[in-house]
């Protein structure tokens, strides 16, 4: 046991002192936050400049209505309000100051776009109220937010005109069509709490985080085993320790590296929870995060550890049975497929976390490390299910460690060719 911890310490210190590990551990949370808010910041930068829109209204009835819909938010229509906020402000002007043909108007407005005087122009033909067909031209039609706002404004204007022709008060229709705002409340053993769509993202991030860390650190196990084989360092190490000690020391050391990253990221999340939310609230940004029971954290780390050992032992077996990292990657493809399947099962489980399907897949040891933490943060299953899933995963990890140790003791001294499946089976059966 002392030799295992010495090897684990060497593996751990070798990796945590690596500059890339330090950089990625420290800036990892910042990158996640940056990638989360950067698109919104870029949209806001783009929204700072007003879009200049000119409308040629052949009906003589719709210009003012379209302009009102674009230049001010309408009470109760949150979808349009969000869309306008992301697209920016609008400067709307009329192009029908004088009588002219449609073709002349198109030509003059197109020239205004080319000269940079306007960004878009809209053609409202005489039969737009009956046909429901209009045209918008612009230098940048890929600005989907602005195009969507223009389309919504024209729709509102045309509908109002149709209601007016039918002698129906459009304001009365608007008041009767007021949307219902749904307040979503979670009911659990801890009581009732208001939740938002953030719960979905928390569950997704939990599953994705475990999925990615298992793949990245499992690949580190594979690369380390192959590197020691090709450099013949393993022969020196075997002179002072057993193959099992080397394998377990490597697995424990790399798992501690992953837990160190989790600890740093958890501290960053806690600081953001305490200070970041208050700062955002003071600046006018109301961001609500779903509450997660602290009892979930031991389960989270427990399932990560057993998931790591389940998949890392398979990666170590692949490394011991091959001679190059490329061959090891090919042999480890079925392992990656198992993880990918487990990750995709997250989506139906998030929709119905206590269904029979979710219960079954969360008890499968190869899927449990990803699925069960997602169930715990969405709708907590019975305690016996979580403990049974953890126990089955632990037993599977122990069995895989035993199998991999028997392959490892022979495979790490094999050079020149990749082992075949019959050979691996023979190594496992060898006493």
Protein backbone atom coordinates (compact mmCIF):
# COMPACT_ATOMS: atom_id res chain seq x y z
CA UNK A 1 0.00 0.00 0.00
CA UNK A 2 2.91 2.35 0.78
CA UNK A 3 4.29 1.85 -2.73
CA UNK A 4 0.87 2.61 -4.25
CA UNK A 5 0.70 5.95 -2.45
CA UNK A 6 4.29 6.80 -3.43
CA UNK A 7 3.45 6.18 -7.09
CA UNK A 8 0.14 8.05 -6.75
CA UNK A 9 1.98 11.02 -5.24
CA UNK A 10 4.48 11.03 -8.10
CA UNK A 11 1.68 10.93 -10.70
CA UNK A 12 -0.25 13.65 -8.89
CA UNK A 13 2.64 16.07 -8.41
CA UNK A 14 3.90 15.53 -11.94
CA UNK A 15 0.54 16.64 -13.36
CA UNK A 16 -0.47 19.43 -10.97
CA UNK A 17 2.91 21.11 -11.49
CA UNK A 18 2.36 21.12 -15.22
CA UNK A 19 1.84 24.69 -16.44
CA UNK A 20 -1.02 23.70 -18.72
CA UNK A 21 -2.87 22.07 -15.82
CA UNK A 22 -2.45 25.19 -13.68
CA UNK A 23 -3.60 27.48 -16.47
CA UNK A 24 -6.65 25.38 -17.40
CA UNK A 25 -7.64 24.87 -13.76
CA UNK A 26 -7.48 28.58 -12.96
CA UNK A 27 -9.02 29.94 -16.14
CA UNK A 28 -11.46 27.06 -16.70
CA UNK A 29 -14.33 28.69 -14.75
CA UNK A 30 -13.56 32.04 -16.40
CA UNK A 31 -13.74 30.41 -19.83
CA UNK A 32 -17.07 28.78 -19.00
CA UNK A 33 -18.50 32.12 -17.83
CA UNK A 34 -16.98 33.90 -20.81
CA UNK A 35 -18.43 31.49 -23.33
CA UNK A 36 -21.77 31.78 -21.56
CA UNK A 37 -22.01 35.60 -21.55
CA UNK A 38 -19.87 36.48 -24.58
CA UNK A 39 -22.65 35.94 -27.15
CA UNK A 40 -24.97 38.19 -25.14
CA UNK A 41 -22.27 40.86 -24.83
CA UNK A 42 -21.58 40.74 -28.56
CA UNK A 43 -25.28 41.07 -29.31
CA UNK A 44 -25.45 44.07 -26.99
CA UNK A 45 -22.48 45.66 -28.76
CA UNK A 46 -24.21 45.18 -32.07
CA UNK A 47 -27.45 46.50 -30.61
CA UNK A 48 -25.84 49.82 -29.68
CA UNK A 49 -26.23 51.24 -33.20
CA UNK A 50 -29.75 52.12 -34.32
CA UNK A 51 -30.97 50.35 -37.44
CA UNK A 52 -32.20 52.85 -40.05
CA UNK A 53 -35.34 51.58 -41.74
CA UNK A 54 -37.30 53.34 -44.49
CA UNK A 55 -40.83 52.24 -45.33
CA UNK A 56 -42.56 52.71 -48.68
CA UNK A 57 -46.26 52.29 -47.86
CA UNK A 58 -48.50 52.15 -50.91
CA UNK A 59 -51.59 51.58 -48.75
CA UNK A 60 -51.21 54.87 -46.91
CA UNK A 61 -52.50 53.16 -43.73
CA UNK A 62 -49.73 51.00 -42.31
CA UNK A 63 -46.64 53.19 -41.93
CA UNK A 64 -47.55 54.71 -38.56
CA UNK A 65 -48.61 51.35 -37.15
CA UNK A 66 -45.38 49.65 -38.27
CA UNK A 67 -43.33 52.51 -36.89
CA UNK A 68 -45.08 52.36 -33.51
CA UNK A 69 -44.55 48.61 -33.31
CA UNK A 70 -40.82 48.99 -34.01
CA UNK A 71 -40.02 52.04 -31.89
CA UNK A 72 -41.76 51.21 -28.63
CA UNK A 73 -42.31 48.06 -26.64
CA UNK A 74 -45.88 46.85 -26.38
CA UNK A 75 -47.10 46.02 -22.97
CA UNK A 76 -47.44 42.32 -22.33
CA UNK A 77 -45.54 41.11 -25.42
CA UNK A 78 -42.36 39.83 -23.82
CA UNK A 79 -41.16 37.92 -26.87
CA UNK A 80 -41.05 41.08 -28.97
CA UNK A 81 -39.47 43.05 -26.16
CA UNK A 82 -36.63 40.53 -25.87
CA UNK A 83 -36.22 40.48 -29.64
CA UNK A 84 -36.00 44.25 -29.88
CA UNK A 85 -33.55 44.41 -27.02
CA UNK A 86 -31.23 42.01 -28.80
CA UNK A 87 -31.63 43.62 -32.23
CA UNK A 88 -31.20 47.22 -31.15
CA UNK A 89 -33.00 50.55 -31.59
CA UNK A 90 -34.67 51.64 -34.80
CA UNK A 91 -34.87 54.90 -36.71
CA UNK A 92 -37.91 54.58 -38.92
CA UNK A 93 -38.75 57.01 -41.72
CA UNK A 94 -41.28 57.14 -44.55
CA UNK A 95 -40.41 56.92 -48.24
CA UNK A 96 -43.83 57.86 -49.63
CA UNK A 97 -43.54 61.64 -49.30
CA UNK A 98 -44.34 62.09 -52.99
CA UNK A 99 -46.16 60.17 -55.67
CA UNK A 100 -43.92 57.79 -57.59
CA UNK A 101 -44.07 54.35 -59.09
CA UNK A 102 -43.06 51.22 -57.21
CA UNK A 103 -40.10 50.65 -59.51
CA UNK A 104 -38.82 54.22 -58.99
CA UNK A 105 -39.17 53.81 -55.24
CA UNK A 106 -37.25 50.52 -55.28
CA UNK A 107 -34.46 52.05 -57.34
CA UNK A 108 -34.08 55.12 -55.11
CA UNK A 109 -34.24 53.12 -51.89
CA UNK A 110 -31.69 50.58 -53.15
CA UNK A 111 -29.36 53.46 -53.98
CA UNK A 112 -29.83 54.83 -50.44
CA UNK A 113 -28.77 51.44 -49.06
CA UNK A 114 -25.67 51.41 -51.26
CA UNK A 115 -24.71 54.91 -50.12
CA UNK A 116 -25.07 53.83 -46.48
CA UNK A 117 -27.92 56.24 -45.74
CA UNK A 118 -30.23 53.45 -44.54
CA UNK A 119 -29.82 49.82 -43.47
CA UNK A 120 -33.15 48.37 -44.61
CA UNK A 121 -36.14 49.41 -46.64
CA UNK A 122 -39.61 47.89 -46.62
CA UNK A 123 -42.10 47.73 -49.48
CA UNK A 124 -45.75 47.53 -48.44
CA UNK A 125 -47.73 46.99 -51.67
CA UNK A 126 -51.34 48.12 -52.08
CA UNK A 127 -52.72 44.60 -51.61
CA UNK A 128 -50.63 43.72 -48.55
CA UNK A 129 -53.67 43.73 -46.25
CA UNK A 130 -55.45 41.17 -48.42
CA UNK A 131 -52.47 39.15 -49.66
CA UNK A 132 -50.29 39.31 -46.56
CA UNK A 133 -47.14 39.72 -48.69
CA UNK A 134 -44.52 42.42 -48.16
CA UNK A 135 -40.84 42.87 -49.04
CA UNK A 136 -37.77 43.89 -47.06
CA UNK A 137 -34.38 44.73 -48.58
CA UNK A 138 -31.11 45.44 -46.82
CA UNK A 139 -27.37 45.30 -47.00
CA UNK A 140 -27.24 42.67 -44.25
CA UNK A 141 -30.31 40.40 -44.47
CA UNK A 142 -28.52 37.89 -42.22
CA UNK A 143 -29.41 40.18 -39.28
CA UNK A 144 -32.21 37.81 -38.35
CA UNK A 145 -33.22 39.73 -35.22
CA UNK A 146 -33.98 42.90 -37.14
CA UNK A 147 -35.72 41.01 -39.95
CA UNK A 148 -37.84 39.16 -37.39
CA UNK A 149 -38.79 42.44 -35.69
CA UNK A 150 -39.77 43.99 -39.02
CA UNK A 151 -41.88 40.97 -39.89
CA UNK A 152 -43.59 41.03 -36.48
CA UNK A 153 -44.29 44.76 -36.78
CA UNK A 154 -45.82 44.34 -40.25
CA UNK A 155 -47.93 41.43 -39.02
CA UNK A 156 -49.28 43.52 -36.15
CA UNK A 157 -50.01 46.46 -38.45
CA UNK A 158 -51.80 44.32 -41.03
CA UNK A 159 -53.87 42.51 -38.38
CA UNK A 160 -54.90 45.84 -36.86
CA UNK A 161 -55.94 47.11 -40.28
CA UNK A 162 -57.98 43.97 -40.95
CA UNK A 163 -59.70 44.28 -37.57
CA UNK A 164 -60.44 47.92 -38.27
CA UNK A 165 -61.96 47.03 -41.66
CA UNK A 166 -64.12 44.45 -39.90
CA UNK A 167 -65.16 47.15 -37.37
CA UNK A 168 -63.52 45.27 -34.50
CA UNK A 169 -61.64 47.25 -31.89
CA UNK A 170 -58.01 46.00 -32.04
CA UNK A 171 -57.29 47.30 -28.53
CA UNK A 172 -60.15 45.22 -27.19
CA UNK A 173 -58.73 42.16 -28.97
CA UNK A 174 -55.28 42.87 -27.49
CA UNK A 175 -56.64 43.06 -23.96
CA UNK A 176 -58.61 39.85 -24.41
CA UNK A 177 -55.51 38.13 -25.84
CA UNK A 178 -53.28 38.98 -22.85
CA UNK A 179 -50.85 36.09 -22.35
CA UNK A 180 -50.81 33.98 -19.19
CA UNK A 181 -47.56 34.09 -17.22
CA UNK A 182 -46.80 30.75 -15.61
CA UNK A 183 -45.04 30.59 -12.27
CA UNK A 184 -43.24 27.23 -12.02
CA UNK A 185 -42.79 25.88 -8.49
CA UNK A 186 -40.89 22.73 -7.51
CA UNK A 187 -42.41 20.62 -4.74
CA UNK A 188 -39.95 18.43 -2.84
CA UNK A 189 -39.14 17.21 0.65
CA UNK A 190 -37.51 20.58 1.32
CA UNK A 191 -40.73 22.43 0.57
CA UNK A 192 -41.68 24.63 -2.38
CA UNK A 193 -39.35 26.82 -4.41
CA UNK A 194 -39.70 28.85 -7.56
CA UNK A 195 -37.51 27.59 -10.39
CA UNK A 196 -36.65 28.73 -13.87
CA UNK A 197 -35.10 27.26 -16.98
CA UNK A 198 -31.76 27.38 -15.18
CA UNK A 199 -32.54 23.99 -13.62
CA UNK A 200 -32.26 22.36 -17.04
CA UNK A 201 -28.85 23.91 -17.64
CA UNK A 202 -27.55 22.90 -14.21
CA UNK A 203 -28.54 19.28 -14.85
CA UNK A 204 -26.98 19.39 -18.31
CA UNK A 205 -23.75 20.96 -17.01
CA UNK A 206 -23.45 18.32 -14.27
CA UNK A 207 -23.75 15.49 -16.80
CA UNK A 208 -21.45 17.19 -19.29
CA UNK A 209 -18.81 17.98 -16.65
CA UNK A 210 -18.57 14.37 -15.48
CA UNK A 211 -18.59 13.13 -19.07
CA UNK A 212 -15.74 15.43 -20.16
CA UNK A 213 -13.53 14.94 -17.10
CA UNK A 214 -13.77 11.15 -17.34
CA UNK A 215 -12.82 11.27 -21.02
CA UNK A 216 -9.94 13.74 -20.57
CA UNK A 217 -8.38 12.09 -17.52
CA UNK A 218 -9.05 8.59 -18.86
CA UNK A 219 -7.14 9.57 -21.98
CA UNK A 220 -4.33 10.79 -19.69
CA UNK A 221 -4.15 7.27 -18.18
CA UNK A 222 -3.92 5.74 -21.66
CA UNK A 223 -1.20 8.14 -22.78
CA UNK A 224 0.81 7.65 -19.60
CA UNK A 225 0.77 3.85 -19.88
CA UNK A 226 1.80 3.90 -23.55
CA UNK A 227 4.53 6.47 -22.89
CA UNK A 228 6.07 4.38 -20.10
CA UNK A 229 5.99 1.31 -22.34
CA UNK A 230 7.61 2.96 -25.35
CA UNK A 231 10.34 4.65 -23.26
CA UNK A 232 11.05 1.37 -21.39
CA UNK A 233 10.69 3.26 -18.09
CA UNK A 234 8.24 0.60 -17.00
CA UNK A 235 11.05 -1.96 -16.78
CA UNK A 236 12.86 0.20 -14.23
CA UNK A 237 9.68 0.80 -12.26
CA UNK A 238 8.87 -2.91 -12.15
CA UNK A 239 12.20 -3.59 -10.46
CA UNK A 240 10.92 -1.82 -7.34
CA UNK A 241 7.12 -2.28 -7.47
CA UNK A 242 4.52 -4.76 -8.67
CA UNK A 243 2.50 -4.11 -11.81
CA UNK A 244 -0.66 -3.82 -9.68
CA UNK A 245 0.97 -1.16 -7.51
CA UNK A 246 1.98 0.81 -10.59
CA UNK A 247 -1.50 0.64 -12.08
CA UNK A 248 -3.34 1.58 -8.87
CA UNK A 249 -0.88 4.35 -8.10
CA UNK A 250 -1.44 5.79 -11.56
CA UNK A 251 -5.24 5.60 -11.26
CA UNK A 252 -5.31 7.11 -7.77
CA UNK A 253 -2.87 9.90 -8.69
CA UNK A 254 -4.78 10.96 -11.79
CA UNK A 255 -8.13 10.77 -9.96
CA UNK A 256 -6.71 13.15 -7.33
CA UNK A 257 -5.70 15.50 -10.15
CA UNK A 258 -9.32 15.56 -11.35
CA UNK A 259 -10.60 16.11 -7.80
CA UNK A 260 -8.18 19.01 -7.41
CA UNK A 261 -9.71 20.63 -10.47
CA UNK A 262 -13.19 20.04 -9.07
CA UNK A 263 -12.17 21.62 -5.76
CA UNK A 264 -10.85 24.77 -7.46
CA UNK A 265 -13.90 25.04 -9.69
CA UNK A 266 -16.22 24.42 -6.75
CA UNK A 267 -14.52 27.23 -4.82
CA UNK A 268 -14.90 29.52 -7.82
CA UNK A 269 -18.60 28.62 -8.08
CA UNK A 270 -19.11 29.29 -4.36
CA UNK A 271 -17.44 32.71 -4.63
CA UNK A 272 -19.59 33.53 -7.64
CA UNK A 273 -22.68 32.39 -5.73
CA UNK A 274 -21.83 34.64 -2.77
CA UNK A 275 -20.34 37.72 -4.45
CA UNK A 276 -21.03 37.44 -8.19
CA UNK A 277 -24.82 37.25 -7.92
CA UNK A 278 -24.89 40.29 -5.64
CA UNK A 279 -22.71 42.25 -8.07
CA UNK A 280 -24.91 41.29 -11.02
CA UNK A 281 -28.04 42.19 -9.10
CA UNK A 282 -26.57 45.60 -8.21
CA UNK A 283 -25.87 46.24 -11.90
CA UNK A 284 -29.47 45.43 -12.82
CA UNK A 285 -29.00 41.84 -14.01
CA UNK A 286 -31.30 39.49 -12.13
CA UNK A 287 -29.90 35.99 -12.35
CA UNK A 288 -31.56 33.26 -10.31
CA UNK A 289 -29.85 29.91 -9.82
CA UNK A 290 -31.71 26.81 -8.68
CA UNK A 291 -30.88 25.62 -5.18
CA UNK A 292 -29.05 22.31 -4.90
CA UNK A 293 -29.05 20.31 -1.70
CA UNK A 294 -25.60 20.01 -0.10
CA UNK A 295 -26.31 16.30 0.38
CA UNK A 296 -25.92 15.91 -3.39
CA UNK A 297 -22.21 16.78 -3.27
CA UNK A 298 -21.03 13.50 -1.65
CA UNK A 299 -23.01 11.57 -4.25
CA UNK A 300 -21.49 13.72 -6.99
CA UNK A 301 -17.91 12.99 -5.93
CA UNK A 302 -18.71 9.36 -5.21
CA UNK A 303 -20.16 8.76 -8.67
CA UNK A 304 -17.32 10.65 -10.29
CA UNK A 305 -14.72 8.48 -8.52
CA UNK A 306 -16.38 5.18 -9.40
CA UNK A 307 -17.02 6.41 -12.95
CA UNK A 308 -13.39 7.41 -13.25
CA UNK A 309 -12.15 4.03 -12.03
CA UNK A 310 -14.58 2.15 -14.28
CA UNK A 311 -13.44 3.94 -17.42
CA UNK A 312 -9.83 4.65 -16.43
CA UNK A 313 -9.22 0.92 -15.87
CA UNK A 314 -10.54 0.26 -19.38
CA UNK A 315 -8.23 2.97 -20.73
CA UNK A 316 -5.32 1.41 -18.81
CA UNK A 317 -6.18 -1.99 -20.28
CA UNK A 318 -6.18 -0.47 -23.77
CA UNK A 319 -2.80 1.15 -23.11
CA UNK A 320 -1.29 -2.07 -21.80
CA UNK A 321 -2.50 -4.03 -24.82
CA UNK A 322 -1.09 -1.61 -27.43
CA UNK A 323 2.25 -0.11 -28.35
CA UNK A 324 1.31 3.39 -29.56
CA UNK A 325 -1.15 6.07 -28.49
CA UNK A 326 -2.88 5.81 -31.87
CA UNK A 327 -3.49 2.08 -31.44
CA UNK A 328 -4.67 2.71 -27.88
CA UNK A 329 -7.16 5.30 -29.11
CA UNK A 330 -8.56 2.84 -31.62
CA UNK A 331 -8.87 0.11 -29.00
CA UNK A 332 -10.54 2.59 -26.62
CA UNK A 333 -13.28 3.58 -29.10
CA UNK A 334 -15.85 1.18 -27.54
CA UNK A 335 -15.12 2.83 -24.18
CA UNK A 336 -15.85 6.25 -25.64
CA UNK A 337 -19.05 4.94 -27.23
CA UNK A 338 -20.25 3.78 -23.81
CA UNK A 339 -19.64 7.25 -22.40
CA UNK A 340 -21.33 8.94 -25.36
CA UNK A 341 -24.39 6.71 -24.97
CA UNK A 342 -24.54 7.60 -21.29
CA UNK A 343 -24.31 11.30 -22.10
CA UNK A 344 -27.13 11.16 -24.66
CA UNK A 345 -29.31 9.29 -22.17
CA UNK A 346 -29.14 12.44 -20.03
CA UNK A 347 -31.75 14.19 -22.19
CA UNK A 348 -34.68 11.75 -21.74
CA UNK A 349 -33.72 11.34 -18.07
CA UNK A 350 -33.92 15.11 -17.51
CA UNK A 351 -37.48 15.11 -18.86
CA UNK A 352 -38.64 12.26 -16.64
CA UNK A 353 -36.04 11.60 -13.91
CA UNK A 354 -38.17 9.14 -11.93
CA UNK A 355 -39.51 7.08 -14.82
CA UNK A 356 -38.86 3.36 -15.15
CA UNK A 357 -36.45 4.04 -18.00
CA UNK A 358 -34.46 6.54 -15.90
CA UNK A 359 -34.35 4.12 -12.98
CA UNK A 360 -33.05 1.26 -15.13
CA UNK A 361 -30.31 3.21 -16.95
CA UNK A 362 -29.15 4.84 -13.71
CA UNK A 363 -28.54 1.38 -12.25
CA UNK A 364 -26.31 0.33 -15.16
CA UNK A 365 -22.75 0.85 -13.83
CA UNK A 366 -21.40 2.18 -17.13
CA UNK A 367 -24.13 4.87 -17.31
CA UNK A 368 -24.73 5.54 -13.61
CA UNK A 369 -21.79 7.97 -13.09
CA UNK A 370 -23.39 10.36 -15.59
CA UNK A 371 -27.11 9.60 -15.18
CA UNK A 372 -27.53 9.40 -11.39
CA UNK A 373 -26.02 12.86 -10.60
CA UNK A 374 -28.40 14.34 -13.19
CA UNK A 375 -31.34 12.65 -11.47
CA UNK A 376 -30.14 13.93 -8.10
CA UNK A 377 -30.14 17.59 -9.20
CA UNK A 378 -33.44 17.42 -11.11
CA UNK A 379 -35.78 15.30 -8.99
CA UNK A 380 -34.07 13.33 -6.25
CA UNK A 381 -34.74 9.57 -6.45
CA UNK A 382 -35.28 7.43 -3.35
CA UNK A 383 -32.12 7.08 -1.27
CA UNK A 384 -32.05 3.32 -1.78
CA UNK A 385 -31.87 3.80 -5.57
CA UNK A 386 -28.90 6.14 -5.29
CA UNK A 387 -27.11 3.85 -2.86
CA UNK A 388 -27.86 0.75 -4.95
CA UNK A 389 -26.58 2.47 -8.08
CA UNK A 390 -23.42 3.53 -6.24
CA UNK A 391 -22.90 0.03 -4.82
CA UNK A 392 -23.29 -1.63 -8.23
CA UNK A 393 -20.85 0.88 -9.72
CA UNK A 394 -18.32 0.23 -6.93
CA UNK A 395 -18.54 -3.54 -7.44
CA UNK A 396 -18.09 -3.06 -11.21
CA UNK A 397 -15.07 -0.82 -10.63
CA UNK A 398 -13.50 -3.42 -8.31
CA UNK A 399 -14.10 -6.18 -10.86
CA UNK A 400 -12.61 -4.10 -13.68
CA UNK A 401 -9.58 -3.24 -11.54
CA UNK A 402 -8.99 -6.96 -10.96
CA UNK A 403 -9.38 -7.80 -14.67
CA UNK A 404 -7.23 -4.89 -15.81
CA UNK A 405 -4.51 -5.78 -13.31
CA UNK A 406 -4.18 -9.23 -14.87
CA UNK A 407 -3.91 -7.71 -18.36
CA UNK A 408 -1.61 -4.95 -17.16
CA UNK A 409 1.00 -7.24 -15.59
CA UNK A 410 1.63 -8.94 -18.96
CA UNK A 411 0.76 -6.21 -21.46
CA UNK A 412 3.13 -3.55 -20.14
CA UNK A 413 6.10 -5.76 -21.01
CA UNK A 414 4.84 -6.58 -24.51
CA UNK A 415 6.49 -4.65 -27.35
CA UNK A 416 6.25 -4.65 -31.11
CA UNK A 417 2.61 -5.56 -31.71
CA UNK A 418 -0.88 -4.97 -30.43
CA UNK A 419 -2.43 -7.77 -28.41
CA UNK A 420 -5.36 -9.65 -29.91
CA UNK A 421 -8.57 -10.38 -28.02
CA UNK A 422 -7.68 -14.09 -27.58
CA UNK A 423 -4.36 -13.06 -26.08
CA UNK A 424 -6.05 -10.61 -23.69
CA UNK A 425 -8.50 -13.32 -22.65
CA UNK A 426 -5.59 -15.67 -22.01
CA UNK A 427 -3.86 -13.07 -19.84
CA UNK A 428 -7.03 -12.65 -17.78
CA UNK A 429 -7.35 -16.40 -17.21
CA UNK A 430 -3.66 -16.82 -16.41
CA UNK A 431 -3.21 -17.39 -12.64
